Amino acid sequence: LCSVHKPGGSPLKGAKLQDCITRAIT
């Protein structure tokens, strides 16, 4: 992981963030 950018909006749960990271790696 090099960077995570989340500009505002509603909070993001840990499981959803991990899902995003996994998909980004793929």
mmCIF file of all heavy atoms, coordinates in Angstrom:
data_MODEL
# 
_entry.id   MODEL 
# 
loop_
_atom_site.group_PDB 
_atom_site.id 
_atom_site.type_symbol 
_atom_site.label_atom_id 
_atom_site.label_alt_id 
_atom_site.label_comp_id 
_atom_site.label_asym_id 
_atom_site.label_entity_id 
_atom_site.label_seq_id 
_atom_site.pdbx_PDB_ins_code 
_atom_site.Cartn_x 
_atom_site.Cartn_y 
_atom_site.Cartn_z 
_atom_site.occupancy 
_atom_site.B_iso_or_equiv 
_atom_site.pdbx_formal_charge 
_atom_site.auth_seq_id 
_atom_site.auth_comp_id 
_atom_site.auth_asym_id 
_atom_site.auth_atom_id 
_atom_site.pdbx_PDB_model_num 
ATOM 1   N N   . LEU A 1 1  ? 0.842   -1.186 0.000   1.00 0.00 ? 1  LEU A N   1 
ATOM 2   C CA  . LEU A 1 1  ? 0.000   0.000  0.000   1.00 0.00 ? 1  LEU A CA  1 
ATOM 3   C C   . LEU A 1 1  ? 0.885   1.246  0.000   1.00 0.00 ? 1  LEU A C   1 
ATOM 4   O O   . LEU A 1 1  ? 1.749   1.404  0.855   1.00 0.00 ? 1  LEU A O   1 
ATOM 5   C CB  . LEU A 1 1  ? -0.890  -0.026 1.248   1.00 0.00 ? 1  LEU A CB  1 
ATOM 6   C CG  . LEU A 1 1  ? -1.936  1.051  1.391   1.00 0.00 ? 1  LEU A CG  1 
ATOM 7   C CD1 . LEU A 1 1  ? -2.949  0.946  0.256   1.00 0.00 ? 1  LEU A CD1 1 
ATOM 8   C CD2 . LEU A 1 1  ? -2.639  0.898  2.725   1.00 0.00 ? 1  LEU A CD2 1 
ATOM 9   N N   . CYS A 1 2  ? 0.691   2.125  -0.973  1.00 0.00 ? 2  CYS A N   1 
ATOM 10  C CA  . CYS A 1 2  ? 1.474   3.359  -1.068  1.00 0.00 ? 2  CYS A CA  1 
ATOM 11  C C   . CYS A 1 2  ? 0.685   4.553  -0.553  1.00 0.00 ? 2  CYS A C   1 
ATOM 12  O O   . CYS A 1 2  ? 1.260   5.462  0.046   1.00 0.00 ? 2  CYS A O   1 
ATOM 13  C CB  . CYS A 1 2  ? 1.876   3.628  -2.514  1.00 0.00 ? 2  CYS A CB  1 
ATOM 14  S SG  . CYS A 1 2  ? 2.895   2.350  -3.242  1.00 0.00 ? 2  CYS A SG  1 
ATOM 15  N N   . SER A 1 3  ? -0.622  4.566  -0.826  1.00 0.00 ? 3  SER A N   1 
ATOM 16  C CA  . SER A 1 3  ? -1.420  5.725  -0.459  1.00 0.00 ? 3  SER A CA  1 
ATOM 17  C C   . SER A 1 3  ? -2.899  5.358  -0.401  1.00 0.00 ? 3  SER A C   1 
ATOM 18  O O   . SER A 1 3  ? -3.369  4.504  -1.156  1.00 0.00 ? 3  SER A O   1 
ATOM 19  C CB  . SER A 1 3  ? -1.217  6.835  -1.502  1.00 0.00 ? 3  SER A CB  1 
ATOM 20  O OG  . SER A 1 3  ? -2.084  7.914  -1.261  1.00 0.00 ? 3  SER A OG  1 
ATOM 21  N N   . VAL A 1 4  ? -3.597  6.030  0.504   1.00 0.00 ? 4  VAL A N   1 
ATOM 22  C CA  . VAL A 1 4  ? -5.060  5.951  0.570   1.00 0.00 ? 4  VAL A CA  1 
ATOM 23  C C   . VAL A 1 4  ? -5.553  7.389  0.600   1.00 0.00 ? 4  VAL A C   1 
ATOM 24  O O   . VAL A 1 4  ? -5.130  8.175  1.444   1.00 0.00 ? 4  VAL A O   1 
ATOM 25  C CB  . VAL A 1 4  ? -5.552  5.201  1.827   1.00 0.00 ? 4  VAL A CB  1 
ATOM 26  C CG1 . VAL A 1 4  ? -7.074  5.241  1.914   1.00 0.00 ? 4  VAL A CG1 1 
ATOM 27  C CG2 . VAL A 1 4  ? -5.065  3.766  1.828   1.00 0.00 ? 4  VAL A CG2 1 
ATOM 28  N N   . HIS A 1 5  ? -6.422  7.740  -0.340  1.00 0.00 ? 5  HIS A N   1 
ATOM 29  C CA  . HIS A 1 5  ? -6.974  9.091  -0.401  1.00 0.00 ? 5  HIS A CA  1 
ATOM 30  C C   . HIS A 1 5  ? -8.496  8.995  -0.351  1.00 0.00 ? 5  HIS A C   1 
ATOM 31  O O   . HIS A 1 5  ? -9.107  8.386  -1.216  1.00 0.00 ? 5  HIS A O   1 
ATOM 32  C CB  . HIS A 1 5  ? -6.524  9.774  -1.694  1.00 0.00 ? 5  HIS A CB  1 
ATOM 33  C CG  . HIS A 1 5  ? -7.075  11.151 -1.865  1.00 0.00 ? 5  HIS A CG  1 
ATOM 34  N ND1 . HIS A 1 5  ? -6.723  12.197 -1.049  1.00 0.00 ? 5  HIS A ND1 1 
ATOM 35  C CD2 . HIS A 1 5  ? -7.962  11.642 -2.748  1.00 0.00 ? 5  HIS A CD2 1 
ATOM 36  C CE1 . HIS A 1 5  ? -7.366  13.281 -1.439  1.00 0.00 ? 5  HIS A CE1 1 
ATOM 37  N NE2 . HIS A 1 5  ? -8.134  12.968 -2.466  1.00 0.00 ? 5  HIS A NE2 1 
ATOM 38  N N   . LYS A 1 6  ? -9.077  9.584  0.686   1.00 0.00 ? 6  LYS A N   1 
ATOM 39  C CA  . LYS A 1 6  ? -10.529 9.575  0.832   1.00 0.00 ? 6  LYS A CA  1 
ATOM 40  C C   . LYS A 1 6  ? -10.972 10.988 1.171   1.00 0.00 ? 6  LYS A C   1 
ATOM 41  O O   . LYS A 1 6  ? -10.940 11.407 2.326   1.00 0.00 ? 6  LYS A O   1 
ATOM 42  C CB  . LYS A 1 6  ? -10.965 8.600  1.923   1.00 0.00 ? 6  LYS A CB  1 
ATOM 43  C CG  . LYS A 1 6  ? -12.470 8.472  1.964   1.00 0.00 ? 6  LYS A CG  1 
ATOM 44  C CD  . LYS A 1 6  ? -12.905 7.739  3.204   1.00 0.00 ? 6  LYS A CD  1 
ATOM 45  C CE  . LYS A 1 6  ? -14.358 7.968  3.448   1.00 0.00 ? 6  LYS A CE  1 
ATOM 46  N NZ  . LYS A 1 6  ? -14.734 9.353  3.637   1.00 0.00 ? 6  LYS A NZ  1 
ATOM 47  N N   . PRO A 1 7  ? -11.347 11.742 0.159   1.00 0.00 ? 7  PRO A N   1 
ATOM 48  C CA  . PRO A 1 7  ? -11.729 13.137 0.385   1.00 0.00 ? 7  PRO A CA  1 
ATOM 49  C C   . PRO A 1 7  ? -13.168 13.292 0.890   1.00 0.00 ? 7  PRO A C   1 
ATOM 50  O O   . PRO A 1 7  ? -14.108 13.261 0.110   1.00 0.00 ? 7  PRO A O   1 
ATOM 51  C CB  . PRO A 1 7  ? -11.555 13.786 -0.987  1.00 0.00 ? 7  PRO A CB  1 
ATOM 52  C CG  . PRO A 1 7  ? -11.807 12.663 -1.944  1.00 0.00 ? 7  PRO A CG  1 
ATOM 53  C CD  . PRO A 1 7  ? -11.351 11.405 -1.253  1.00 0.00 ? 7  PRO A CD  1 
ATOM 54  N N   . GLY A 1 8  ? -13.346 13.431 2.176   1.00 0.00 ? 8  GLY A N   1 
ATOM 55  C CA  . GLY A 1 8  ? -14.665 13.693 2.752   1.00 0.00 ? 8  GLY A CA  1 
ATOM 56  C C   . GLY A 1 8  ? -15.637 12.548 2.579   1.00 0.00 ? 8  GLY A C   1 
ATOM 57  O O   . GLY A 1 8  ? -15.259 11.393 2.446   1.00 0.00 ? 8  GLY A O   1 
ATOM 58  N N   . GLY A 1 9  ? -16.923 12.877 2.602   1.00 0.00 ? 9  GLY A N   1 
ATOM 59  C CA  . GLY A 1 9  ? -17.962 11.861 2.478   1.00 0.00 ? 9  GLY A CA  1 
ATOM 60  C C   . GLY A 1 9  ? -18.188 11.158 3.802   1.00 0.00 ? 9  GLY A C   1 
ATOM 61  O O   . GLY A 1 9  ? -17.615 11.494 4.831   1.00 0.00 ? 9  GLY A O   1 
ATOM 62  N N   . SER A 1 10 ? -19.029 10.153 3.777   1.00 0.00 ? 10 SER A N   1 
ATOM 63  C CA  . SER A 1 10 ? -19.326 9.414  5.001   1.00 0.00 ? 10 SER A CA  1 
ATOM 64  C C   . SER A 1 10 ? -18.176 8.471  5.355   1.00 0.00 ? 10 SER A C   1 
ATOM 65  O O   . SER A 1 10 ? -17.358 8.143  4.511   1.00 0.00 ? 10 SER A O   1 
ATOM 66  C CB  . SER A 1 10 ? -20.638 8.647  4.820   1.00 0.00 ? 10 SER A CB  1 
ATOM 67  O OG  . SER A 1 10 ? -20.560 7.801  3.704   1.00 0.00 ? 10 SER A OG  1 
ATOM 68  N N   . PRO A 1 11 ? -18.119 8.020  6.620   1.00 0.00 ? 11 PRO A N   1 
ATOM 69  C CA  . PRO A 1 11 ? -17.011 7.148  7.048   1.00 0.00 ? 11 PRO A CA  1 
ATOM 70  C C   . PRO A 1 11 ? -16.986 5.835  6.278   1.00 0.00 ? 11 PRO A C   1 
ATOM 71  O O   . PRO A 1 11 ? -18.002 5.373  5.769   1.00 0.00 ? 11 PRO A O   1 
ATOM 72  C CB  . PRO A 1 11 ? -17.298 6.894  8.523   1.00 0.00 ? 11 PRO A CB  1 
ATOM 73  C CG  . PRO A 1 11 ? -18.330 7.858  8.930   1.00 0.00 ? 11 PRO A CG  1 
ATOM 74  C CD  . PRO A 1 11 ? -19.041 8.319  7.705   1.00 0.00 ? 11 PRO A CD  1 
ATOM 75  N N   . LEU A 1 12 ? -15.809 5.226  6.242   1.00 0.00 ? 12 LEU A N   1 
ATOM 76  C CA  . LEU A 1 12 ? -15.621 3.957  5.552   1.00 0.00 ? 12 LEU A CA  1 
ATOM 77  C C   . LEU A 1 12 ? -15.201 2.908  6.572   1.00 0.00 ? 12 LEU A C   1 
ATOM 78  O O   . LEU A 1 12 ? -14.249 3.103  7.318   1.00 0.00 ? 12 LEU A O   1 
ATOM 79  C CB  . LEU A 1 12 ? -14.526 4.122  4.486   1.00 0.00 ? 12 LEU A CB  1 
ATOM 80  C CG  . LEU A 1 12 ? -14.276 2.970  3.540   1.00 0.00 ? 12 LEU A CG  1 
ATOM 81  C CD1 . LEU A 1 12 ? -15.525 2.687  2.709   1.00 0.00 ? 12 LEU A CD1 1 
ATOM 82  C CD2 . LEU A 1 12 ? -13.113 3.290  2.625   1.00 0.00 ? 12 LEU A CD2 1 
ATOM 83  N N   . LYS A 1 13 ? -15.937 1.807  6.632   1.00 0.00 ? 13 LYS A N   1 
ATOM 84  C CA  . LYS A 1 13 ? -15.633 0.745  7.591   1.00 0.00 ? 13 LYS A CA  1 
ATOM 85  C C   . LYS A 1 13 ? -14.353 0.017  7.193   1.00 0.00 ? 13 LYS A C   1 
ATOM 86  O O   . LYS A 1 13 ? -13.997 -0.049 6.020   1.00 0.00 ? 13 LYS A O   1 
ATOM 87  C CB  . LYS A 1 13 ? -16.789 -0.243 7.661   1.00 0.00 ? 13 LYS A CB  1 
ATOM 88  C CG  . LYS A 1 13 ? -18.046 0.373  8.221   1.00 0.00 ? 13 LYS A CG  1 
ATOM 89  C CD  . LYS A 1 13 ? -19.181 -0.613 8.246   1.00 0.00 ? 13 LYS A CD  1 
ATOM 90  C CE  . LYS A 1 13 ? -20.436 0.089  8.764   1.00 0.00 ? 13 LYS A CE  1 
ATOM 91  N NZ  . LYS A 1 13 ? -21.625 -0.718 8.634   1.00 0.00 ? 13 LYS A NZ  1 
ATOM 92  N N   . GLY A 1 14 ? -13.670 -0.554 8.182   1.00 0.00 ? 14 GLY A N   1 
ATOM 93  C CA  . GLY A 1 14 ? -12.406 -1.254 7.958   1.00 0.00 ? 14 GLY A CA  1 
ATOM 94  C C   . GLY A 1 14 ? -12.511 -2.377 6.957   1.00 0.00 ? 14 GLY A C   1 
ATOM 95  O O   . GLY A 1 14 ? -11.631 -2.571 6.112   1.00 0.00 ? 14 GLY A O   1 
ATOM 96  N N   . ALA A 1 15 ? -13.590 -3.159 7.018   1.00 0.00 ? 15 ALA A N   1 
ATOM 97  C CA  . ALA A 1 15 ? -13.770 -4.287 6.097   1.00 0.00 ? 15 ALA A CA  1 
ATOM 98  C C   . ALA A 1 15 ? -13.925 -3.793 4.660   1.00 0.00 ? 15 ALA A C   1 
ATOM 99  O O   . ALA A 1 15 ? -13.401 -4.403 3.718   1.00 0.00 ? 15 ALA A O   1 
ATOM 100 C CB  . ALA A 1 15 ? -14.987 -5.118 6.502   1.00 0.00 ? 15 ALA A CB  1 
ATOM 101 N N   . LYS A 1 16 ? -14.642 -2.694 4.489   1.00 0.00 ? 16 LYS A N   1 
ATOM 102 C CA  . LYS A 1 16 ? -14.835 -2.140 3.144   1.00 0.00 ? 16 LYS A CA  1 
ATOM 103 C C   . LYS A 1 16 ? -13.523 -1.587 2.602   1.00 0.00 ? 16 LYS A C   1 
ATOM 104 O O   . LYS A 1 16 ? -13.189 -1.767 1.429   1.00 0.00 ? 16 LYS A O   1 
ATOM 105 C CB  . LYS A 1 16 ? -15.900 -1.042 3.177   1.00 0.00 ? 16 LYS A CB  1 
ATOM 106 C CG  . LYS A 1 16 ? -16.323 -0.533 1.823   1.00 0.00 ? 16 LYS A CG  1 
ATOM 107 C CD  . LYS A 1 16 ? -16.905 -1.593 0.927   1.00 0.00 ? 16 LYS A CD  1 
ATOM 108 C CE  . LYS A 1 16 ? -18.248 -2.048 1.419   1.00 0.00 ? 16 LYS A CE  1 
ATOM 109 N NZ  . LYS A 1 16 ? -18.884 -3.013 0.520   1.00 0.00 ? 16 LYS A NZ  1 
ATOM 110 N N   . LEU A 1 17 ? -12.732 -0.939 3.459   1.00 0.00 ? 17 LEU A N   1 
ATOM 111 C CA  . LEU A 1 17 ? -11.420 -0.433 3.057   1.00 0.00 ? 17 LEU A CA  1 
ATOM 112 C C   . LEU A 1 17 ? -10.509 -1.591 2.665   1.00 0.00 ? 17 LEU A C   1 
ATOM 113 O O   . LEU A 1 17 ? -9.815  -1.531 1.646   1.00 0.00 ? 17 LEU A O   1 
ATOM 114 C CB  . LEU A 1 17 ? -10.789 0.393  4.175   1.00 0.00 ? 17 LEU A CB  1 
ATOM 115 C CG  . LEU A 1 17 ? -9.409  0.955  3.886   1.00 0.00 ? 17 LEU A CG  1 
ATOM 116 C CD1 . LEU A 1 17 ? -9.434  1.866  2.666   1.00 0.00 ? 17 LEU A CD1 1 
ATOM 117 C CD2 . LEU A 1 17 ? -8.877  1.710  5.100   1.00 0.00 ? 17 LEU A CD2 1 
ATOM 118 N N   . GLN A 1 18 ? -10.527 -2.663 3.435   1.00 0.00 ? 18 GLN A N   1 
ATOM 119 C CA  . GLN A 1 18 ? -9.698  -3.835 3.109   1.00 0.00 ? 18 GLN A CA  1 
ATOM 120 C C   . GLN A 1 18 ? -10.123 -4.436 1.783   1.00 0.00 ? 18 GLN A C   1 
ATOM 121 O O   . GLN A 1 18 ? -9.286  -4.879 0.995   1.00 0.00 ? 18 GLN A O   1 
ATOM 122 C CB  . GLN A 1 18 ? -9.775  -4.877 4.231   1.00 0.00 ? 18 GLN A CB  1 
ATOM 123 C CG  . GLN A 1 18 ? -8.804  -6.028 4.040   1.00 0.00 ? 18 GLN A CG  1 
ATOM 124 C CD  . GLN A 1 18 ? -7.359  -5.585 3.937   1.00 0.00 ? 18 GLN A CD  1 
ATOM 125 O OE1 . GLN A 1 18 ? -6.871  -4.827 4.767   1.00 0.00 ? 18 GLN A OE1 1 
ATOM 126 N NE2 . GLN A 1 18 ? -6.669  -6.041 2.901   1.00 0.00 ? 18 GLN A NE2 1 
ATOM 127 N N   . ASP A 1 19 ? -11.417 -4.472 1.506   1.00 0.00 ? 19 ASP A N   1 
ATOM 128 C CA  . ASP A 1 19 ? -11.925 -4.969 0.226   1.00 0.00 ? 19 ASP A CA  1 
ATOM 129 C C   . ASP A 1 19 ? -11.379 -4.114 -0.918  1.00 0.00 ? 19 ASP A C   1 
ATOM 130 O O   . ASP A 1 19 ? -10.946 -4.632 -1.951  1.00 0.00 ? 19 ASP A O   1 
ATOM 131 C CB  . ASP A 1 19 ? -13.456 -4.970 0.235   1.00 0.00 ? 19 ASP A CB  1 
ATOM 132 C CG  . ASP A 1 19 ? -14.056 -5.601 -1.009  1.00 0.00 ? 19 ASP A CG  1 
ATOM 133 O OD1 . ASP A 1 19 ? -13.386 -6.453 -1.642  1.00 0.00 ? 19 ASP A OD1 1 
ATOM 134 O OD2 . ASP A 1 19 ? -15.203 -5.253 -1.345  1.00 0.00 ? 19 ASP A OD2 1 
ATOM 135 N N   . CYS A 1 20 ? -11.378 -2.790 -0.729  1.00 0.00 ? 20 CYS A N   1 
ATOM 136 C CA  . CYS A 1 20 ? -10.843 -1.878 -1.748  1.00 0.00 ? 20 CYS A CA  1 
ATOM 137 C C   . CYS A 1 20 ? -9.357  -2.137 -1.979  1.00 0.00 ? 20 CYS A C   1 
ATOM 138 O O   . CYS A 1 20 ? -8.894  -2.164 -3.123  1.00 0.00 ? 20 CYS A O   1 
ATOM 139 C CB  . CYS A 1 20 ? -11.061 -0.426 -1.340  1.00 0.00 ? 20 CYS A CB  1 
ATOM 140 S SG  . CYS A 1 20 ? -12.770 0.110  -1.348  1.00 0.00 ? 20 CYS A SG  1 
ATOM 141 N N   . ILE A 1 21 ? -8.603  -2.336 -0.908  1.00 0.00 ? 21 ILE A N   1 
ATOM 142 C CA  . ILE A 1 21 ? -7.162  -2.582 -1.031  1.00 0.00 ? 21 ILE A CA  1 
ATOM 143 C C   . ILE A 1 21 ? -6.909  -3.882 -1.791  1.00 0.00 ? 21 ILE A C   1 
ATOM 144 O O   . ILE A 1 21 ? -6.062  -3.939 -2.689  1.00 0.00 ? 21 ILE A O   1 
ATOM 145 C CB  . ILE A 1 21 ? -6.499  -2.602 0.361   1.00 0.00 ? 21 ILE A CB  1 
ATOM 146 C CG1 . ILE A 1 21 ? -6.537  -1.196 0.979   1.00 0.00 ? 21 ILE A CG1 1 
ATOM 147 C CG2 . ILE A 1 21 ? -5.061  -3.118 0.271   1.00 0.00 ? 21 ILE A CG2 1 
ATOM 148 C CD1 . ILE A 1 21 ? -6.142  -1.147 2.441   1.00 0.00 ? 21 ILE A CD1 1 
ATOM 149 N N   . THR A 1 22 ? -7.662  -4.927 -1.466  1.00 0.00 ? 22 THR A N   1 
ATOM 150 C CA  . THR A 1 22 ? -7.508  -6.206 -2.148  1.00 0.00 ? 22 THR A CA  1 
ATOM 151 C C   . THR A 1 22 ? -7.804  -6.077 -3.637  1.00 0.00 ? 22 THR A C   1 
ATOM 152 O O   . THR A 1 22 ? -7.066  -6.592 -4.482  1.00 0.00 ? 22 THR A O   1 
ATOM 153 C CB  . THR A 1 22 ? -8.434  -7.265 -1.506  1.00 0.00 ? 22 THR A CB  1 
ATOM 154 O OG1 . THR A 1 22 ? -8.100  -7.374 -0.118  1.00 0.00 ? 22 THR A OG1 1 
ATOM 155 C CG2 . THR A 1 22 ? -8.292  -8.615 -2.178  1.00 0.00 ? 22 THR A CG2 1 
ATOM 156 N N   . ARG A 1 23 ? -8.869  -5.378 -3.965  1.00 0.00 ? 23 ARG A N   1 
ATOM 157 C CA  . ARG A 1 23 ? -9.215  -5.176 -5.377  1.00 0.00 ? 23 ARG A CA  1 
ATOM 158 C C   . ARG A 1 23 ? -8.173  -4.319 -6.091  1.00 0.00 ? 23 ARG A C   1 
ATOM 159 O O   . ARG A 1 23 ? -7.873  -4.546 -7.270  1.00 0.00 ? 23 ARG A O   1 
ATOM 160 C CB  . ARG A 1 23 ? -10.592 -4.535 -5.499  1.00 0.00 ? 23 ARG A CB  1 
ATOM 161 C CG  . ARG A 1 23 ? -11.718 -5.455 -5.111  1.00 0.00 ? 23 ARG A CG  1 
ATOM 162 C CD  . ARG A 1 23 ? -13.037 -4.740 -5.188  1.00 0.00 ? 23 ARG A CD  1 
ATOM 163 N NE  . ARG A 1 23 ? -14.113 -5.578 -4.714  1.00 0.00 ? 23 ARG A NE  1 
ATOM 164 C CZ  . ARG A 1 23 ? -15.311 -5.604 -5.271  1.00 0.00 ? 23 ARG A CZ  1 
ATOM 165 N NH1 . ARG A 1 23 ? -15.575 -4.841 -6.307  1.00 0.00 ? 23 ARG A NH1 1 
ATOM 166 N NH2 . ARG A 1 23 ? -16.249 -6.380 -4.786  1.00 0.00 ? 23 ARG A NH2 1 
ATOM 167 N N   . ALA A 1 24 ? -7.623  -3.341 -5.389  1.00 0.00 ? 24 ALA A N   1 
ATOM 168 C CA  . ALA A 1 24 ? -6.600  -2.475 -5.990  1.00 0.00 ? 24 ALA A CA  1 
ATOM 169 C C   . ALA A 1 24 ? -5.335  -3.279 -6.311  1.00 0.00 ? 24 ALA A C   1 
ATOM 170 O O   . ALA A 1 24 ? -4.709  -3.061 -7.349  1.00 0.00 ? 24 ALA A O   1 
ATOM 171 C CB  . ALA A 1 24 ? -6.275  -1.319 -5.046  1.00 0.00 ? 24 ALA A CB  1 
ATOM 172 N N   . ILE A 1 25 ? -4.964  -4.194 -5.441  1.00 0.00 ? 25 ILE A N   1 
ATOM 173 C CA  . ILE A 1 25 ? -3.787  -5.039 -5.681  1.00 0.00 ? 25 ILE A CA  1 
ATOM 174 C C   . ILE A 1 25 ? -4.003  -5.911 -6.913  1.00 0.00 ? 25 ILE A C   1 
ATOM 175 O O   . ILE A 1 25 ? -3.113  -6.051 -7.760  1.00 0.00 ? 25 ILE A O   1 
ATOM 176 C CB  . ILE A 1 25 ? -3.468  -5.889 -4.431  1.00 0.00 ? 25 ILE A CB  1 
ATOM 177 C CG1 . ILE A 1 25 ? -2.953  -4.979 -3.308  1.00 0.00 ? 25 ILE A CG1 1 
ATOM 178 C CG2 . ILE A 1 25 ? -2.468  -6.986 -4.750  1.00 0.00 ? 25 ILE A CG2 1 
ATOM 179 C CD1 . ILE A 1 25 ? -2.869  -5.649 -1.949  1.00 0.00 ? 25 ILE A CD1 1 
ATOM 180 N N   . THR A 1 26 ? -5.196  -6.481 -7.043  1.00 0.00 ? 26 THR A N   1 
ATOM 181 C CA  . THR A 1 26 ? -5.528  -7.297 -8.210  1.00 0.00 ? 26 THR A CA  1 
ATOM 182 C C   . THR A 1 26 ? -5.494  -6.458 -9.477  1.00 0.00 ? 26 THR A C   1 
ATOM 183 O O   . THR A 1 26 ? -4.930  -6.866 -10.502 1.00 0.00 ? 26 THR A O   1 
ATOM 184 C CB  . THR A 1 26 ? -6.916  -7.944 -8.042  1.00 0.00 ? 26 THR A CB  1 
ATOM 185 O OG1 . THR A 1 26 ? -6.900  -8.750 -6.863  1.00 0.00 ? 26 THR A OG1 1 
ATOM 186 C CG2 . THR A 1 26 ? -7.294  -8.784 -9.246  1.00 0.00 ? 26 THR A CG2 1 
# 
